[in-house]
Structures are given as C-alpha cells and as structure tokens.
Amino acid sequence: GVVPELQVRERLAQGELLCLRPDIGIEVALYWHQWKLGDD
C-alpha cells in the first residue's frame, strides 16, 4: 500500500507494517478552496 505516513505511524511503530524504501515518498500538497460569497 502507498499510504499517508500520518495514517500508519502507530502501525509502523508497533511493527504491524514495514516501510519499503524509506527514502522514497510522494509529496502531495493540499489546498483549501472556498467560494467568495457575494451580496447584491
């Protein structure tokens, strides 16, 4: 699985999952968009 590191930190620490190639990661930048609401 290719998963958010944030989501599996506990499982990694407990040994339930192992990280493959720790040097390789996909960085996904996130943005919040919202409408500017207009009056008359």
ModelCIF file with pLDDT and N, C-alpha, C, O atoms, coordinates in Angstrom:
data_MODEL
#
_entry.id   MODEL 
#
_entity.id                         1 
_entity.type                       polymer 
_entity.pdbx_number_of_molecules   1 
#
_entity_poly.entity_id                      1 
_entity_poly.type                           'polypeptide(L)' 
_entity_poly.nstd_linkage                   no 
_entity_poly.nstd_monomer                   no 
_entity_poly.pdbx_seq_one_letter_code       GVVPELQVRERLAQGELLCLRPDIGIEVALYWHQWKLGDD 
_entity_poly.pdbx_seq_one_letter_code_can   GVVPELQVRERLAQGELLCLRPDIGIEVALYWHQWKLGDD 
_entity_poly.pdbx_strand_id                 A 
#
loop_
_entity_poly_seq.entity_id 
_entity_poly_seq.num 
_entity_poly_seq.mon_id 
_entity_poly_seq.hetero 
1 1  GLY n 
1 2  VAL n 
1 3  VAL n 
1 4  PRO n 
1 5  GLU n 
1 6  LEU n 
1 7  GLN n 
1 8  VAL n 
1 9  ARG n 
1 10 GLU n 
1 11 ARG n 
1 12 LEU n 
1 13 ALA n 
1 14 GLN n 
1 15 GLY n 
1 16 GLU n 
1 17 LEU n 
1 18 LEU n 
1 19 CYS n 
1 20 LEU n 
1 21 ARG n 
1 22 PRO n 
1 23 ASP n 
1 24 ILE n 
1 25 GLY n 
1 26 ILE n 
1 27 GLU n 
1 28 VAL n 
1 29 ALA n 
1 30 LEU n 
1 31 TYR n 
1 32 TRP n 
1 33 HIS n 
1 34 GLN n 
1 35 TRP n 
1 36 LYS n 
1 37 LEU n 
1 38 GLY n 
1 39 ASP n 
1 40 ASP n 
#
_struct_asym.id          A 
_struct_asym.entity_id   1 
#
loop_
_ma_qa_metric.id 
_ma_qa_metric.mode 
_ma_qa_metric.name 
_ma_qa_metric.software_group_id 
_ma_qa_metric.type 
1 global pLDDT . pLDDT 
2 local  pLDDT . pLDDT 
#
_ma_qa_metric_global.metric_id      1 
_ma_qa_metric_global.metric_value   91.22 
_ma_qa_metric_global.model_id       1 
_ma_qa_metric_global.ordinal_id     1 
#
loop_
_ma_qa_metric_local.label_asym_id 
_ma_qa_metric_local.label_comp_id 
_ma_qa_metric_local.label_seq_id 
_ma_qa_metric_local.metric_id 
_ma_qa_metric_local.metric_value 
_ma_qa_metric_local.model_id 
_ma_qa_metric_local.ordinal_id 
A GLY 1  2 98.00 1 1  
A VAL 2  2 98.00 1 2  
A VAL 3  2 98.00 1 3  
A PRO 4  2 97.00 1 4  
A GLU 5  2 97.00 1 5  
A LEU 6  2 96.00 1 6  
A GLN 7  2 97.00 1 7  
A VAL 8  2 98.00 1 8  
A ARG 9  2 96.00 1 9  
A GLU 10 2 96.00 1 10 
A ARG 11 2 97.00 1 11 
A LEU 12 2 97.00 1 12 
A ALA 13 2 97.00 1 13 
A GLN 14 2 97.00 1 14 
A GLY 15 2 97.00 1 15 
A GLU 16 2 97.00 1 16 
A LEU 17 2 98.00 1 17 
A LEU 18 2 98.00 1 18 
A CYS 19 2 97.00 1 19 
A LEU 20 2 97.00 1 20 
A ARG 21 2 94.00 1 21 
A PRO 22 2 93.00 1 22 
A ASP 23 2 94.00 1 23 
A ILE 24 2 96.00 1 24 
A GLY 25 2 96.00 1 25 
A ILE 26 2 97.00 1 26 
A GLU 27 2 97.00 1 27 
A VAL 28 2 96.00 1 28 
A ALA 29 2 97.00 1 29 
A LEU 30 2 97.00 1 30 
A TYR 31 2 97.00 1 31 
A TRP 32 2 97.00 1 32 
A HIS 33 2 96.00 1 33 
A GLN 34 2 93.00 1 34 
A TRP 35 2 85.00 1 35 
A LYS 36 2 79.00 1 36 
A LEU 37 2 64.00 1 37 
A GLY 38 2 52.00 1 38 
A ASP 39 2 45.00 1 39 
A ASP 40 2 41.00 1 40 
#
loop_
_atom_site.group_PDB 
_atom_site.id 
_atom_site.type_symbol 
_atom_site.label_atom_id 
_atom_site.label_alt_id 
_atom_site.label_comp_id 
_atom_site.label_asym_id 
_atom_site.label_entity_id 
_atom_site.label_seq_id 
_atom_site.pdbx_PDB_ins_code 
_atom_site.Cartn_x 
_atom_site.Cartn_y 
_atom_site.Cartn_z 
_atom_site.occupancy 
_atom_site.B_iso_or_equiv 
_atom_site.pdbx_formal_charge 
_atom_site.auth_seq_id 
_atom_site.auth_comp_id 
_atom_site.auth_asym_id 
_atom_site.auth_atom_id 
_atom_site.pdbx_PDB_model_num 
ATOM 1   N N  . GLY A 1 1  ? 0.834   -1.196 0.000  1.00 98.00 ? 1  GLY A N  1 
ATOM 2   C CA . GLY A 1 1  ? 0.000   0.000  0.000  1.00 98.00 ? 1  GLY A CA 1 
ATOM 3   C C  . GLY A 1 1  ? 0.865   1.241  0.000  1.00 98.00 ? 1  GLY A C  1 
ATOM 4   O O  . GLY A 1 1  ? 1.914   1.278  0.643  1.00 98.00 ? 1  GLY A O  1 
ATOM 5   N N  . VAL A 1 2  ? 0.425   2.253  -0.720 1.00 98.00 ? 2  VAL A N  1 
ATOM 6   C CA . VAL A 1 2  ? 1.078   3.557  -0.692 1.00 98.00 ? 2  VAL A CA 1 
ATOM 7   C C  . VAL A 1 2  ? 0.116   4.481  0.035  1.00 98.00 ? 2  VAL A C  1 
ATOM 8   O O  . VAL A 1 2  ? -0.929  4.856  -0.498 1.00 98.00 ? 2  VAL A O  1 
ATOM 9   N N  . VAL A 1 3  ? 0.478   4.838  1.247  1.00 98.00 ? 3  VAL A N  1 
ATOM 10  C CA . VAL A 1 3  ? -0.460  5.452  2.190  1.00 98.00 ? 3  VAL A CA 1 
ATOM 11  C C  . VAL A 1 3  ? 0.142   6.704  2.814  1.00 98.00 ? 3  VAL A C  1 
ATOM 12  O O  . VAL A 1 3  ? 1.359   6.887  2.782  1.00 98.00 ? 3  VAL A O  1 
ATOM 13  N N  . PRO A 1 4  ? -0.699  7.572  3.384  1.00 97.00 ? 4  PRO A N  1 
ATOM 14  C CA . PRO A 1 4  ? -0.161  8.715  4.121  1.00 97.00 ? 4  PRO A CA 1 
ATOM 15  C C  . PRO A 1 4  ? 0.651   8.240  5.323  1.00 97.00 ? 4  PRO A C  1 
ATOM 16  O O  . PRO A 1 4  ? 0.173   7.431  6.118  1.00 97.00 ? 4  PRO A O  1 
ATOM 17  N N  . GLU A 1 5  ? 1.870   8.739  5.452  1.00 97.00 ? 5  GLU A N  1 
ATOM 18  C CA . GLU A 1 5  ? 2.690   8.377  6.606  1.00 97.00 ? 5  GLU A CA 1 
ATOM 19  C C  . GLU A 1 5  ? 1.958   8.681  7.900  1.00 97.00 ? 5  GLU A C  1 
ATOM 20  O O  . GLU A 1 5  ? 2.067   7.931  8.870  1.00 97.00 ? 5  GLU A O  1 
ATOM 21  N N  . LEU A 1 6  ? 1.215   9.775  7.918  1.00 96.00 ? 6  LEU A N  1 
ATOM 22  C CA . LEU A 1 6  ? 0.428   10.170 9.079  1.00 96.00 ? 6  LEU A CA 1 
ATOM 23  C C  . LEU A 1 6  ? -0.537  9.075  9.509  1.00 96.00 ? 6  LEU A C  1 
ATOM 24  O O  . LEU A 1 6  ? -0.799  8.918  10.701 1.00 96.00 ? 6  LEU A O  1 
ATOM 25  N N  . GLN A 1 7  ? -1.061  8.327  8.570  1.00 97.00 ? 7  GLN A N  1 
ATOM 26  C CA . GLN A 1 7  ? -2.089  7.337  8.868  1.00 97.00 ? 7  GLN A CA 1 
ATOM 27  C C  . GLN A 1 7  ? -1.530  6.046  9.452  1.00 97.00 ? 7  GLN A C  1 
ATOM 28  O O  . GLN A 1 7  ? -2.264  5.305  10.105 1.00 97.00 ? 7  GLN A O  1 
ATOM 29  N N  . VAL A 1 8  ? -0.256  5.760  9.234  1.00 98.00 ? 8  VAL A N  1 
ATOM 30  C CA . VAL A 1 8  ? 0.279   4.447  9.624  1.00 98.00 ? 8  VAL A CA 1 
ATOM 31  C C  . VAL A 1 8  ? 1.415   4.545  10.636 1.00 98.00 ? 8  VAL A C  1 
ATOM 32  O O  . VAL A 1 8  ? 2.101   3.553  10.883 1.00 98.00 ? 8  VAL A O  1 
ATOM 33  N N  . ARG A 1 9  ? 1.627   5.702  11.219 1.00 96.00 ? 9  ARG A N  1 
ATOM 34  C CA . ARG A 1 9  ? 2.753   5.842  12.157 1.00 96.00 ? 9  ARG A CA 1 
ATOM 35  C C  . ARG A 1 9  ? 2.659   4.852  13.311 1.00 96.00 ? 9  ARG A C  1 
ATOM 36  O O  . ARG A 1 9  ? 3.655   4.235  13.688 1.00 96.00 ? 9  ARG A O  1 
ATOM 37  N N  . GLU A 1 10 ? 1.471   4.701  13.868 1.00 96.00 ? 10 GLU A N  1 
ATOM 38  C CA . GLU A 1 10 ? 1.313   3.791  15.002 1.00 96.00 ? 10 GLU A CA 1 
ATOM 39  C C  . GLU A 1 10 ? 1.557   2.346  14.586 1.00 96.00 ? 10 GLU A C  1 
ATOM 40  O O  . GLU A 1 10 ? 2.217   1.597  15.307 1.00 96.00 ? 10 GLU A O  1 
ATOM 41  N N  . ARG A 1 11 ? 1.035   1.951  13.441 1.00 97.00 ? 11 ARG A N  1 
ATOM 42  C CA . ARG A 1 11 ? 1.243   0.576  12.962 1.00 97.00 ? 11 ARG A CA 1 
ATOM 43  C C  . ARG A 1 11 ? 2.724   0.321  12.650 1.00 97.00 ? 11 ARG A C  1 
ATOM 44  O O  . ARG A 1 11 ? 3.227   -0.777 12.889 1.00 97.00 ? 11 ARG A O  1 
ATOM 45  N N  . LEU A 1 12 ? 3.413   1.322  12.122 1.00 97.00 ? 12 LEU A N  1 
ATOM 46  C CA . LEU A 1 12 ? 4.849   1.177  11.873 1.00 97.00 ? 12 LEU A CA 1 
ATOM 47  C C  . LEU A 1 12 ? 5.605   1.015  13.187 1.00 97.00 ? 12 LEU A C  1 
ATOM 48  O O  . LEU A 1 12 ? 6.498   0.175  13.300 1.00 97.00 ? 12 LEU A O  1 
ATOM 49  N N  . ALA A 1 13 ? 5.240   1.826  14.181 1.00 97.00 ? 13 ALA A N  1 
ATOM 50  C CA . ALA A 1 13 ? 5.921   1.753  15.478 1.00 97.00 ? 13 ALA A CA 1 
ATOM 51  C C  . ALA A 1 13 ? 5.692   0.401  16.152 1.00 97.00 ? 13 ALA A C  1 
ATOM 52  O O  . ALA A 1 13 ? 6.572   -0.110 16.844 1.00 97.00 ? 13 ALA A O  1 
ATOM 53  N N  . GLN A 1 14 ? 4.509   -0.174 15.947 1.00 97.00 ? 14 GLN A N  1 
ATOM 54  C CA . GLN A 1 14 ? 4.190   -1.462 16.564 1.00 97.00 ? 14 GLN A CA 1 
ATOM 55  C C  . GLN A 1 14 ? 4.663   -2.661 15.736 1.00 97.00 ? 14 GLN A C  1 
ATOM 56  O O  . GLN A 1 14 ? 4.530   -3.805 16.169 1.00 97.00 ? 14 GLN A O  1 
ATOM 57  N N  . GLY A 1 15 ? 5.212   -2.401 14.552 1.00 97.00 ? 15 GLY A N  1 
ATOM 58  C CA . GLY A 1 15 ? 5.703   -3.487 13.713 1.00 97.00 ? 15 GLY A CA 1 
ATOM 59  C C  . GLY A 1 15 ? 4.643   -4.192 12.901 1.00 97.00 ? 15 GLY A C  1 
ATOM 60  O O  . GLY A 1 15 ? 4.929   -5.217 12.281 1.00 97.00 ? 15 GLY A O  1 
ATOM 61  N N  . GLU A 1 16 ? 3.407   -3.667 12.886 1.00 97.00 ? 16 GLU A N  1 
ATOM 62  C CA . GLU A 1 16 ? 2.354   -4.288 12.084 1.00 97.00 ? 16 GLU A CA 1 
ATOM 63  C C  . GLU A 1 16 ? 2.571   -4.051 10.594 1.00 97.00 ? 16 GLU A C  1 
ATOM 64  O O  . GLU A 1 16 ? 2.131   -4.844 9.761  1.00 97.00 ? 16 GLU A O  1 
ATOM 65  N N  . LEU A 1 17 ? 3.246   -2.963 10.266 1.00 98.00 ? 17 LEU A N  1 
ATOM 66  C CA . LEU A 1 17 ? 3.605   -2.640 8.894  1.00 98.00 ? 17 LEU A CA 1 
ATOM 67  C C  . LEU A 1 17 ? 5.073   -2.281 8.829  1.00 98.00 ? 17 LEU A C  1 
ATOM 68  O O  . LEU A 1 17 ? 5.645   -1.782 9.798  1.00 98.00 ? 17 LEU A O  1 
ATOM 69  N N  . LEU A 1 18 ? 5.680   -2.539 7.677  1.00 98.00 ? 18 LEU A N  1 
ATOM 70  C CA . LEU A 1 18 ? 7.066   -2.163 7.431  1.00 98.00 ? 18 LEU A CA 1 
ATOM 71  C C  . LEU A 1 18 ? 7.105   -1.166 6.283  1.00 98.00 ? 18 LEU A C  1 
ATOM 72  O O  . LEU A 1 18 ? 6.342   -1.281 5.324  1.00 98.00 ? 18 LEU A O  1 
ATOM 73  N N  . CYS A 1 19 ? 7.997   -0.190 6.384  1.00 97.00 ? 19 CYS A N  1 
ATOM 74  C CA . CYS A 1 19 ? 8.151   0.806  5.325  1.00 97.00 ? 19 CYS A CA 1 
ATOM 75  C C  . CYS A 1 19 ? 9.123   0.274  4.280  1.00 97.00 ? 19 CYS A C  1 
ATOM 76  O O  . CYS A 1 19 ? 10.233  -0.143 4.611  1.00 97.00 ? 19 CYS A O  1 
ATOM 77  N N  . LEU A 1 20 ? 8.705   0.292  3.020  1.00 97.00 ? 20 LEU A N  1 
ATOM 78  C CA . LEU A 1 20 ? 9.571   -0.125 1.920  1.00 97.00 ? 20 LEU A CA 1 
ATOM 79  C C  . LEU A 1 20 ? 10.259  1.110  1.344  1.00 97.00 ? 20 LEU A C  1 
ATOM 80  O O  . LEU A 1 20 ? 9.613   2.124  1.082  1.00 97.00 ? 20 LEU A O  1 
ATOM 81  N N  . ARG A 1 21 ? 11.543  1.018  1.154  1.00 94.00 ? 21 ARG A N  1 
ATOM 82  C CA . ARG A 1 21 ? 12.288  2.146  0.579  1.00 94.00 ? 21 ARG A CA 1 
ATOM 83  C C  . ARG A 1 21 ? 11.956  3.455  1.299  1.00 94.00 ? 21 ARG A C  1 
ATOM 84  O O  . ARG A 1 21 ? 11.338  4.334  0.698  1.00 94.00 ? 21 ARG A O  1 
ATOM 85  N N  . PRO A 1 22 ? 12.347  3.610  2.562  1.00 93.00 ? 22 PRO A N  1 
ATOM 86  C CA . PRO A 1 22 ? 12.023  4.818  3.320  1.00 93.00 ? 22 PRO A CA 1 
ATOM 87  C C  . PRO A 1 22 ? 12.502  6.107  2.654  1.00 93.00 ? 22 PRO A C  1 
ATOM 88  O O  . PRO A 1 22 ? 12.010  7.192  2.966  1.00 93.00 ? 22 PRO A O  1 
ATOM 89  N N  . ASP A 1 23 ? 13.456  5.985  1.742  1.00 94.00 ? 23 ASP A N  1 
ATOM 90  C CA . ASP A 1 23 ? 13.974  7.178  1.052  1.00 94.00 ? 23 ASP A CA 1 
ATOM 91  C C  . ASP A 1 23 ? 13.027  7.688  -0.022 1.00 94.00 ? 23 ASP A C  1 
ATOM 92  O O  . ASP A 1 23 ? 13.211  8.795  -0.528 1.00 94.00 ? 23 ASP A O  1 
ATOM 93  N N  . ILE A 1 24 ? 12.015  6.901  -0.380 1.00 96.00 ? 24 ILE A N  1 
ATOM 94  C CA . ILE A 1 24 ? 11.092  7.282  -1.449 1.00 96.00 ? 24 ILE A CA 1 
ATOM 95  C C  . ILE A 1 24 ? 9.742   7.670  -0.843 1.00 96.00 ? 24 ILE A C  1 
ATOM 96  O O  . ILE A 1 24 ? 9.157   6.909  -0.072 1.00 96.00 ? 24 ILE A O  1 
ATOM 97  N N  . GLY A 1 25 ? 9.264   8.841  -1.192 1.00 96.00 ? 25 GLY A N  1 
ATOM 98  C CA . GLY A 1 25 ? 7.957   9.294  -0.723 1.00 96.00 ? 25 GLY A CA 1 
ATOM 99  C C  . GLY A 1 25 ? 7.313   10.197 -1.762 1.00 96.00 ? 25 GLY A C  1 
ATOM 100 O O  . GLY A 1 25 ? 8.010   10.883 -2.511 1.00 96.00 ? 25 GLY A O  1 
ATOM 101 N N  . ILE A 1 26 ? 5.996   10.201 -1.811 1.00 97.00 ? 26 ILE A N  1 
ATOM 102 C CA . ILE A 1 26 ? 5.244   11.077 -2.699 1.00 97.00 ? 26 ILE A CA 1 
ATOM 103 C C  . ILE A 1 26 ? 4.711   12.241 -1.876 1.00 97.00 ? 26 ILE A C  1 
ATOM 104 O O  . ILE A 1 26 ? 3.962   12.042 -0.919 1.00 97.00 ? 26 ILE A O  1 
ATOM 105 N N  . GLU A 1 27 ? 5.092   13.440 -2.245 1.00 97.00 ? 27 GLU A N  1 
ATOM 106 C CA . GLU A 1 27 ? 4.663   14.631 -1.521 1.00 97.00 ? 27 GLU A CA 1 
ATOM 107 C C  . GLU A 1 27 ? 3.440   15.229 -2.218 1.00 97.00 ? 27 GLU A C  1 
ATOM 108 O O  . GLU A 1 27 ? 3.521   15.657 -3.370 1.00 97.00 ? 27 GLU A O  1 
ATOM 109 N N  . VAL A 1 28 ? 2.314   15.253 -1.517 1.00 96.00 ? 28 VAL A N  1 
ATOM 110 C CA . VAL A 1 28 ? 1.063   15.765 -2.089 1.00 96.00 ? 28 VAL A CA 1 
ATOM 111 C C  . VAL A 1 28 ? 0.677   17.040 -1.350 1.00 96.00 ? 28 VAL A C  1 
ATOM 112 O O  . VAL A 1 28 ? 0.316   17.003 -0.174 1.00 96.00 ? 28 VAL A O  1 
ATOM 113 N N  . ALA A 1 29 ? 0.755   18.161 -2.047 1.00 97.00 ? 29 ALA A N  1 
ATOM 114 C CA . ALA A 1 29 ? 0.380   19.449 -1.464 1.00 97.00 ? 29 ALA A CA 1 
ATOM 115 C C  . ALA A 1 29 ? -1.133  19.609 -1.525 1.00 97.00 ? 29 ALA A C  1 
ATOM 116 O O  . ALA A 1 29 ? -1.750  19.347 -2.558 1.00 97.00 ? 29 ALA A O  1 
ATOM 117 N N  . LEU A 1 30 ? -1.724  20.038 -0.420 1.00 97.00 ? 30 LEU A N  1 
ATOM 118 C CA . LEU A 1 30 ? -3.165  20.208 -0.326 1.00 97.00 ? 30 LEU A CA 1 
ATOM 119 C C  . LEU A 1 30 ? -3.517  21.688 -0.148 1.00 97.00 ? 30 LEU A C  1 
ATOM 120 O O  . LEU A 1 30 ? -2.764  22.455 0.453  1.00 97.00 ? 30 LEU A O  1 
ATOM 121 N N  . TYR A 1 31 ? -4.681  22.067 -0.686 1.00 97.00 ? 31 TYR A N  1 
ATOM 122 C CA . TYR A 1 31 ? -5.145  23.454 -0.629 1.00 97.00 ? 31 TYR A CA 1 
ATOM 123 C C  . TYR A 1 31 ? -6.625  23.474 -0.248 1.00 97.00 ? 31 TYR A C  1 
ATOM 124 O O  . TYR A 1 31 ? -7.389  22.575 -0.599 1.00 97.00 ? 31 TYR A O  1 
ATOM 125 N N  . TRP A 1 32 ? -7.006  24.522 0.478  1.00 97.00 ? 32 TRP A N  1 
ATOM 126 C CA . TRP A 1 32 ? -8.416  24.758 0.792  1.00 97.00 ? 32 TRP A CA 1 
ATOM 127 C C  . TRP A 1 32 ? -8.957  25.823 -0.149 1.00 97.00 ? 32 TRP A C  1 
ATOM 128 O O  . TRP A 1 32 ? -8.408  26.921 -0.242 1.00 97.00 ? 32 TRP A O  1 
ATOM 129 N N  . HIS A 1 33 ? -10.044 25.488 -0.850 1.00 96.00 ? 33 HIS A N  1 
ATOM 130 C CA . HIS A 1 33 ? -10.728 26.419 -1.744 1.00 96.00 ? 33 HIS A CA 1 
ATOM 131 C C  . HIS A 1 33 ? -12.117 26.703 -1.183 1.00 96.00 ? 33 HIS A C  1 
ATOM 132 O O  . HIS A 1 33 ? -12.777 25.796 -0.675 1.00 96.00 ? 33 HIS A O  1 
ATOM 133 N N  . GLN A 1 34 ? -12.563 27.943 -1.269 1.00 93.00 ? 34 GLN A N  1 
ATOM 134 C CA . GLN A 1 34 ? -13.942 28.250 -0.918 1.00 93.00 ? 34 GLN A CA 1 
ATOM 135 C C  . GLN A 1 34 ? -14.440 29.414 -1.755 1.00 93.00 ? 34 GLN A C  1 
ATOM 136 O O  . GLN A 1 34 ? -13.675 30.272 -2.194 1.00 93.00 ? 34 GLN A O  1 
ATOM 137 N N  . TRP A 1 35 ? -15.763 29.412 -1.963 1.00 85.00 ? 35 TRP A N  1 
ATOM 138 C CA . TRP A 1 35 ? -16.364 30.496 -2.724 1.00 85.00 ? 35 TRP A CA 1 
ATOM 139 C C  . TRP A 1 35 ? -16.334 31.783 -1.931 1.00 85.00 ? 35 TRP A C  1 
ATOM 140 O O  . TRP A 1 35 ? -16.547 31.783 -0.718 1.00 85.00 ? 35 TRP A O  1 
ATOM 141 N N  . LYS A 1 36 ? -16.070 32.870 -2.611 1.00 79.00 ? 36 LYS A N  1 
ATOM 142 C CA . LYS A 1 36 ? -16.324 34.193 -2.047 1.00 79.00 ? 36 LYS A CA 1 
ATOM 143 C C  . LYS A 1 36 ? -17.798 34.483 -2.284 1.00 79.00 ? 36 LYS A C  1 
ATOM 144 O O  . LYS A 1 36 ? -18.232 34.604 -3.429 1.00 79.00 ? 36 LYS A O  1 
ATOM 145 N N  . LEU A 1 37 ? -18.555 34.593 -1.227 1.00 64.00 ? 37 LEU A N  1 
ATOM 146 C CA . LEU A 1 37 ? -19.979 34.786 -1.384 1.00 64.00 ? 37 LEU A CA 1 
ATOM 147 C C  . LEU A 1 37 ? -20.263 36.265 -1.596 1.00 64.00 ? 37 LEU A C  1 
ATOM 148 O O  . LEU A 1 37 ? -19.693 37.115 -0.911 1.00 64.00 ? 37 LEU A O  1 
ATOM 149 N N  . GLY A 1 38 ? -21.153 36.577 -2.552 1.00 52.00 ? 38 GLY A N  1 
ATOM 150 C CA . GLY A 1 38 ? -21.374 37.970 -2.915 1.00 52.00 ? 38 GLY A CA 1 
ATOM 151 C C  . GLY A 1 38 ? -22.743 38.469 -2.537 1.00 52.00 ? 38 GLY A C  1 
ATOM 152 O O  . GLY A 1 38 ? -23.703 37.699 -2.496 1.00 52.00 ? 38 GLY A O  1 
ATOM 153 N N  . ASP A 1 39 ? -22.844 39.792 -2.251 1.00 45.00 ? 39 ASP A N  1 
ATOM 154 C CA . ASP A 1 39 ? -24.142 40.400 -1.981 1.00 45.00 ? 39 ASP A CA 1 
ATOM 155 C C  . ASP A 1 39 ? -24.711 40.956 -3.282 1.00 45.00 ? 39 ASP A C  1 
ATOM 156 O O  . ASP A 1 39 ? -24.140 40.739 -4.351 1.00 45.00 ? 39 ASP A O  1 
ATOM 157 N N  . ASP A 1 40 ? -25.808 41.655 -3.200 1.00 41.00 ? 40 ASP A N  1 
ATOM 158 C CA . ASP A 1 40 ? -26.481 42.155 -4.395 1.00 41.00 ? 40 ASP A CA 1 
ATOM 159 C C  . ASP A 1 40 ? -25.626 43.152 -5.171 1.00 41.00 ? 40 ASP A C  1 
ATOM 160 O O  . ASP A 1 40 ? -26.057 43.663 -6.204 1.00 41.00 ? 40 ASP A O  1 
#
